[in-house]
Amino acid sequence: MSNLQPRRAERVAAILKRLSVDRSLGVAELAESFGVSQATMRRDLQTLQEQRLLTRTHGGVHASDVAYELPVRYRDAHNREQKRRIAAAAVSRIPQGAVVVGLTGGTTTSEVARLLVERTDITVVTNALNIAAELALRPRLGLVVTGGISRSQSYELVGPWAERTLLGLNMSIAFVGVDGISADGGLTTHDPVEAKTNAVLISRARRTIVVADGSKVGHDLLARIVEVQDVDELITDDSADESACQALRRTGITVTLA
């Protein structure tokens, strides 16, 4: 996980979010808006440049030419309270008794994982390295981790090795994180390889629930994971666009506001 202090992590996440919209920002402007010195802001920007998330210019920064995807370590603090409510609602869907639970990567699925630690009758299947590392410390939980190629943006293991592992497993319920979900676009994410791996995980679960805060609802990203008809429920929060939620309900999916 990130070695940034929590308040700094929130600040750099906000910088990247603004940069994805404005494409170019000034150091003085950023320092004033966040209430820090220009020297502090330059250190933040230098860290982000070293991670190739932006490009420094004289007196400012501009967005990198690569497709924009905010890494998990910077997304984790965003809408955290909403994600915790969504996770609590999601965990309430897990039946009592021995059950196998699938978890894709994502900040909201990570919150779901944290709420599973008191259960002794659950086996978790995941392709997310951060979730696996956290649950590995809980010996009362069963844990299955796929192989695969690691994506630094999402901490997920993806590709043919991950898919071969998943194809040999059966899950009672899967909780899936997405970057976008809409009635027309389905479940979407930034990376086509990640999308395919997550589609395989969904195919091996008897029931699939999408956990996504309201900022994801009504938006479509590059790579489709599956159609909305392939999942059973979306659990989101009351910041989600109401017209997008209504369109999703018309497809037959249950939409729950946590």
Protein backbone atom coordinates (compact mmCIF):
# COMPACT_ATOMS: atom_id res chain seq x y z
CA MET A 1 0.00 0.00 0.00
CA SER A 2 1.03 3.64 -0.22
CA ASN A 3 3.60 4.97 2.25
CA LEU A 4 2.04 8.44 2.03
CA GLN A 5 0.50 9.94 5.17
CA PRO A 6 -3.32 9.85 5.02
CA ARG A 7 -3.83 13.61 4.56
CA ARG A 8 -1.15 13.79 1.91
CA ALA A 9 -2.65 10.78 0.13
CA GLU A 10 -6.02 12.53 0.00
CA ARG A 11 -4.33 15.67 -1.35
CA VAL A 12 -2.48 13.93 -4.16
CA ALA A 13 -5.63 12.00 -5.07
CA ALA A 14 -7.47 15.31 -5.38
CA ILE A 15 -4.64 16.73 -7.51
CA LEU A 16 -4.88 13.81 -9.94
CA LYS A 17 -8.66 14.08 -10.09
CA ARG A 18 -8.46 17.80 -10.94
CA LEU A 19 -5.75 17.14 -13.48
CA SER A 20 -7.91 14.57 -15.25
CA VAL A 21 -10.44 17.35 -15.90
CA ASP A 22 -8.32 20.48 -16.35
CA ARG A 23 -5.28 18.73 -17.95
CA SER A 24 -2.94 21.51 -16.79
CA LEU A 25 -2.48 23.19 -13.39
CA GLY A 26 -0.12 25.71 -11.78
CA VAL A 27 1.95 25.07 -8.63
CA ALA A 28 0.94 28.35 -6.98
CA GLU A 29 -2.73 27.74 -7.73
CA LEU A 30 -2.57 24.22 -6.29
CA ALA A 31 -0.67 25.27 -3.18
CA GLU A 32 -3.20 28.00 -2.42
CA SER A 33 -6.23 25.76 -3.00
CA PHE A 34 -4.90 23.04 -0.67
CA GLY A 35 -3.53 25.43 1.96
CA VAL A 36 0.06 24.22 1.78
CA SER A 37 3.37 25.85 0.86
CA GLN A 38 4.61 25.80 -2.71
CA ALA A 39 7.59 23.73 -1.52
CA THR A 40 5.21 21.08 -0.13
CA MET A 41 3.23 21.10 -3.35
CA ARG A 42 6.38 20.69 -5.45
CA ARG A 43 7.31 17.61 -3.38
CA ASP A 44 3.85 16.12 -4.00
CA LEU A 45 4.13 16.80 -7.71
CA GLN A 46 7.64 15.36 -7.86
CA THR A 47 6.35 12.13 -6.29
CA LEU A 48 3.57 11.90 -8.88
CA GLN A 49 5.98 12.61 -11.74
CA GLU A 50 8.29 9.82 -10.53
CA GLN A 51 5.27 7.50 -10.75
CA ARG A 52 4.58 8.81 -14.28
CA LEU A 53 1.15 10.09 -13.28
CA LEU A 54 1.82 13.62 -14.54
CA THR A 55 4.50 15.72 -16.25
CA ARG A 56 6.17 18.71 -14.59
CA THR A 57 6.42 21.99 -16.49
CA HIS A 58 7.87 25.36 -15.56
CA GLY A 59 5.59 26.58 -12.79
CA GLY A 60 3.05 23.79 -13.13
CA VAL A 61 2.10 20.32 -14.33
CA HIS A 62 0.07 18.75 -17.08
CA ALA A 63 -1.61 15.38 -17.43
CA SER A 64 0.42 12.50 -18.78
CA ASP A 65 -0.34 11.30 -22.29
CA VAL A 66 -1.23 7.81 -21.01
CA ALA A 67 -4.88 6.92 -20.41
CA TYR A 68 -5.95 8.27 -17.05
CA GLU A 69 -6.60 5.77 -14.27
CA LEU A 70 -6.22 6.78 -10.65
CA PRO A 71 -4.27 4.03 -8.83
CA VAL A 72 -5.91 2.21 -5.92
CA ARG A 73 -3.52 3.71 -3.37
CA TYR A 74 -4.89 7.17 -4.20
CA ARG A 75 -8.53 6.10 -4.63
CA ASP A 76 -8.69 4.41 -1.24
CA ALA A 77 -9.50 7.58 0.72
CA HIS A 78 -12.11 8.82 -1.77
CA ASN A 79 -15.75 8.41 -0.63
CA ARG A 80 -14.57 6.12 2.16
CA GLU A 81 -17.67 6.46 4.35
CA GLN A 82 -19.97 5.62 1.42
CA LYS A 83 -17.81 2.60 0.58
CA ARG A 84 -18.03 1.33 4.15
CA ARG A 85 -21.83 1.56 4.08
CA ILE A 86 -21.90 -0.26 0.74
CA ALA A 87 -19.59 -2.96 2.12
CA ALA A 88 -21.77 -3.46 5.20
CA ALA A 89 -24.84 -3.93 3.00
CA ALA A 90 -22.90 -6.34 0.78
CA VAL A 91 -21.74 -8.53 3.65
CA SER A 92 -25.33 -8.84 4.86
CA ARG A 93 -26.05 -10.73 1.62
CA ILE A 94 -23.67 -13.57 2.52
CA PRO A 95 -25.57 -16.58 3.86
CA GLN A 96 -24.63 -18.31 7.08
CA GLY A 97 -22.70 -21.55 6.94
CA ALA A 98 -19.80 -22.62 4.76
CA VAL A 99 -19.63 -20.39 1.70
CA VAL A 100 -17.11 -19.44 -0.99
CA VAL A 101 -16.92 -15.69 -1.68
CA GLY A 102 -15.23 -14.15 -4.74
CA LEU A 103 -13.68 -10.68 -4.57
CA THR A 104 -12.22 -8.70 -7.47
CA GLY A 105 -9.86 -5.82 -6.79
CA GLY A 106 -11.07 -2.34 -5.90
CA THR A 107 -11.41 0.01 -2.96
CA THR A 108 -14.99 -1.01 -2.16
CA THR A 109 -14.28 -4.74 -2.40
CA SER A 110 -11.35 -4.10 -0.05
CA GLU A 111 -13.85 -2.71 2.47
CA VAL A 112 -15.94 -5.86 2.01
CA ALA A 113 -12.87 -7.98 2.75
CA ARG A 114 -12.21 -6.11 6.00
CA LEU A 115 -15.70 -7.02 7.22
CA LEU A 116 -15.18 -10.75 6.60
CA VAL A 117 -12.47 -11.21 9.21
CA GLU A 118 -14.82 -12.33 11.98
CA ARG A 119 -16.28 -15.18 9.94
CA THR A 120 -14.80 -18.66 10.35
CA ASP A 121 -16.81 -20.45 7.69
CA ILE A 122 -15.82 -18.45 4.60
CA THR A 123 -13.32 -19.21 1.86
CA VAL A 124 -12.34 -16.14 -0.16
CA VAL A 125 -11.25 -16.38 -3.78
CA THR A 126 -9.52 -13.25 -5.05
CA ASN A 127 -7.19 -11.98 -7.74
CA ALA A 128 -6.36 -8.84 -5.72
CA LEU A 129 -2.94 -8.81 -4.06
CA ASN A 130 -3.84 -6.21 -1.42
CA ILE A 131 -6.95 -8.15 -0.36
CA ALA A 132 -4.98 -11.40 -0.27
CA ALA A 133 -2.22 -9.83 1.85
CA GLU A 134 -4.76 -8.57 4.38
CA LEU A 135 -6.73 -11.82 4.61
CA ALA A 136 -3.62 -13.99 4.77
CA LEU A 137 -3.12 -12.73 8.31
CA ARG A 138 -6.52 -14.20 9.32
CA PRO A 139 -5.93 -17.95 9.73
CA ARG A 140 -9.62 -18.71 10.41
CA LEU A 141 -10.50 -17.65 6.85
CA GLY A 142 -9.85 -19.86 3.86
CA LEU A 143 -8.02 -18.04 1.06
CA VAL A 144 -7.46 -18.88 -2.61
CA VAL A 145 -5.34 -16.49 -4.69
CA THR A 146 -5.05 -16.69 -8.46
CA GLY A 147 -1.80 -16.44 -10.35
CA GLY A 148 -1.44 -13.90 -13.13
CA ILE A 149 0.26 -10.67 -14.18
CA SER A 150 0.07 -7.89 -11.60
CA ARG A 151 -1.52 -4.54 -12.53
CA SER A 152 0.00 -1.79 -10.37
CA GLN A 153 -3.04 0.47 -10.80
CA SER A 154 -5.50 -2.00 -9.27
CA TYR A 155 -3.25 -4.56 -7.51
CA GLU A 156 -5.10 -7.24 -9.48
CA LEU A 157 -3.60 -10.40 -10.98
CA VAL A 158 -4.92 -10.72 -14.52
CA GLY A 159 -4.48 -12.66 -17.73
CA PRO A 160 -4.57 -16.35 -18.75
CA TRP A 161 -2.97 -17.71 -15.56
CA ALA A 162 -5.56 -15.97 -13.40
CA GLU A 163 -8.37 -17.12 -15.68
CA ARG A 164 -7.24 -20.76 -15.62
CA THR A 165 -7.33 -20.75 -11.81
CA LEU A 166 -10.81 -19.21 -11.73
CA LEU A 167 -12.20 -21.65 -14.29
CA GLY A 168 -11.47 -24.51 -11.89
CA LEU A 169 -13.42 -22.96 -9.00
CA ASN A 170 -17.04 -22.50 -7.93
CA MET A 171 -18.22 -19.55 -5.84
CA SER A 172 -21.52 -19.02 -4.07
CA ILE A 173 -21.37 -15.23 -4.32
CA ALA A 174 -19.01 -12.73 -5.93
CA PHE A 175 -18.53 -9.06 -5.10
CA VAL A 176 -17.24 -7.10 -8.06
CA GLY A 177 -15.68 -3.65 -8.18
CA VAL A 178 -16.03 -1.59 -11.37
CA ASP A 179 -14.90 1.75 -12.77
CA GLY A 180 -18.25 2.30 -14.46
CA ILE A 181 -21.71 0.76 -14.70
CA SER A 182 -24.64 1.73 -16.89
CA ALA A 183 -27.69 0.12 -18.47
CA ASP A 184 -26.23 0.35 -21.98
CA GLY A 185 -22.52 0.00 -21.30
CA GLY A 186 -22.72 -2.76 -18.72
CA LEU A 187 -19.90 -3.20 -16.18
CA THR A 188 -16.75 -1.47 -17.40
CA THR A 189 -13.15 -0.83 -16.43
CA HIS A 190 -10.04 0.80 -17.90
CA ASP A 191 -8.11 -2.31 -18.90
CA PRO A 192 -9.32 -4.99 -21.38
CA VAL A 193 -7.22 -7.77 -19.82
CA GLU A 194 -8.55 -6.99 -16.34
CA ALA A 195 -12.07 -6.91 -17.77
CA LYS A 196 -11.70 -10.42 -19.20
CA THR A 197 -10.32 -11.86 -15.96
CA ASN A 198 -13.15 -10.34 -13.93
CA ALA A 199 -15.69 -11.69 -16.43
CA VAL A 200 -14.36 -15.20 -15.80
CA LEU A 201 -14.69 -14.72 -12.04
CA ILE A 202 -18.31 -13.60 -12.50
CA SER A 203 -19.03 -16.65 -14.66
CA ARG A 204 -17.98 -18.98 -11.81
CA ALA A 205 -20.29 -17.41 -9.19
CA ARG A 206 -23.91 -18.42 -8.60
CA ARG A 207 -24.74 -14.85 -7.56
CA THR A 208 -22.90 -11.62 -8.42
CA ILE A 209 -23.20 -8.27 -6.68
CA VAL A 210 -21.54 -5.09 -7.94
CA VAL A 211 -20.28 -2.78 -5.17
CA ALA A 212 -19.61 0.74 -6.45
CA ASP A 213 -19.98 4.23 -5.03
CA GLY A 214 -22.26 6.70 -6.79
CA SER A 215 -19.47 8.27 -8.85
CA LYS A 216 -19.28 5.08 -10.96
CA VAL A 217 -23.00 4.84 -11.79
CA GLY A 218 -24.03 5.97 -15.27
CA HIS A 219 -20.46 6.04 -16.60
CA ASP A 220 -18.86 3.84 -19.26
CA LEU A 221 -15.13 3.08 -19.53
CA LEU A 222 -13.12 1.49 -22.32
CA ALA A 223 -13.43 -2.22 -21.53
CA ARG A 224 -16.71 -4.02 -20.90
CA ILE A 225 -16.59 -6.75 -18.26
CA VAL A 226 -20.13 -8.14 -18.71
CA GLU A 227 -23.64 -6.93 -19.45
CA VAL A 228 -25.70 -5.76 -16.46
CA GLN A 229 -28.03 -8.71 -17.06
CA ASP A 230 -25.18 -10.99 -16.01
CA VAL A 231 -25.23 -9.69 -12.43
CA ASP A 232 -27.92 -9.78 -9.76
CA GLU A 233 -27.57 -6.57 -7.79
CA LEU A 234 -25.81 -3.21 -7.64
CA ILE A 235 -25.17 -1.80 -4.18
CA THR A 236 -24.28 1.89 -4.35
CA ASP A 237 -24.99 5.07 -2.36
CA ASP A 238 -27.46 7.93 -2.60
CA SER A 239 -25.05 10.12 -4.57
CA ALA A 240 -25.67 7.93 -7.63
CA ASP A 241 -27.51 9.58 -10.52
CA GLU A 242 -31.19 8.71 -10.13
CA SER A 243 -31.92 8.47 -13.86
CA ALA A 244 -28.99 6.07 -14.29
CA CYS A 245 -30.27 3.97 -11.38
CA GLN A 246 -33.76 3.86 -12.90
CA ALA A 247 -32.33 2.77 -16.27
CA LEU A 248 -30.44 -0.03 -14.52
CA ARG A 249 -33.57 -1.17 -12.69
CA ARG A 250 -35.41 -1.40 -16.01
CA THR A 251 -32.88 -4.01 -17.15
CA GLY A 252 -33.98 -6.25 -14.27
CA ILE A 253 -31.01 -5.70 -11.94
CA THR A 254 -31.74 -4.86 -8.29
CA VAL A 255 -30.29 -1.45 -7.32
CA THR A 256 -29.82 -0.85 -3.59
CA LEU A 257 -28.78 2.48 -2.05
CA ALA A 258 -26.75 1.93 1.10
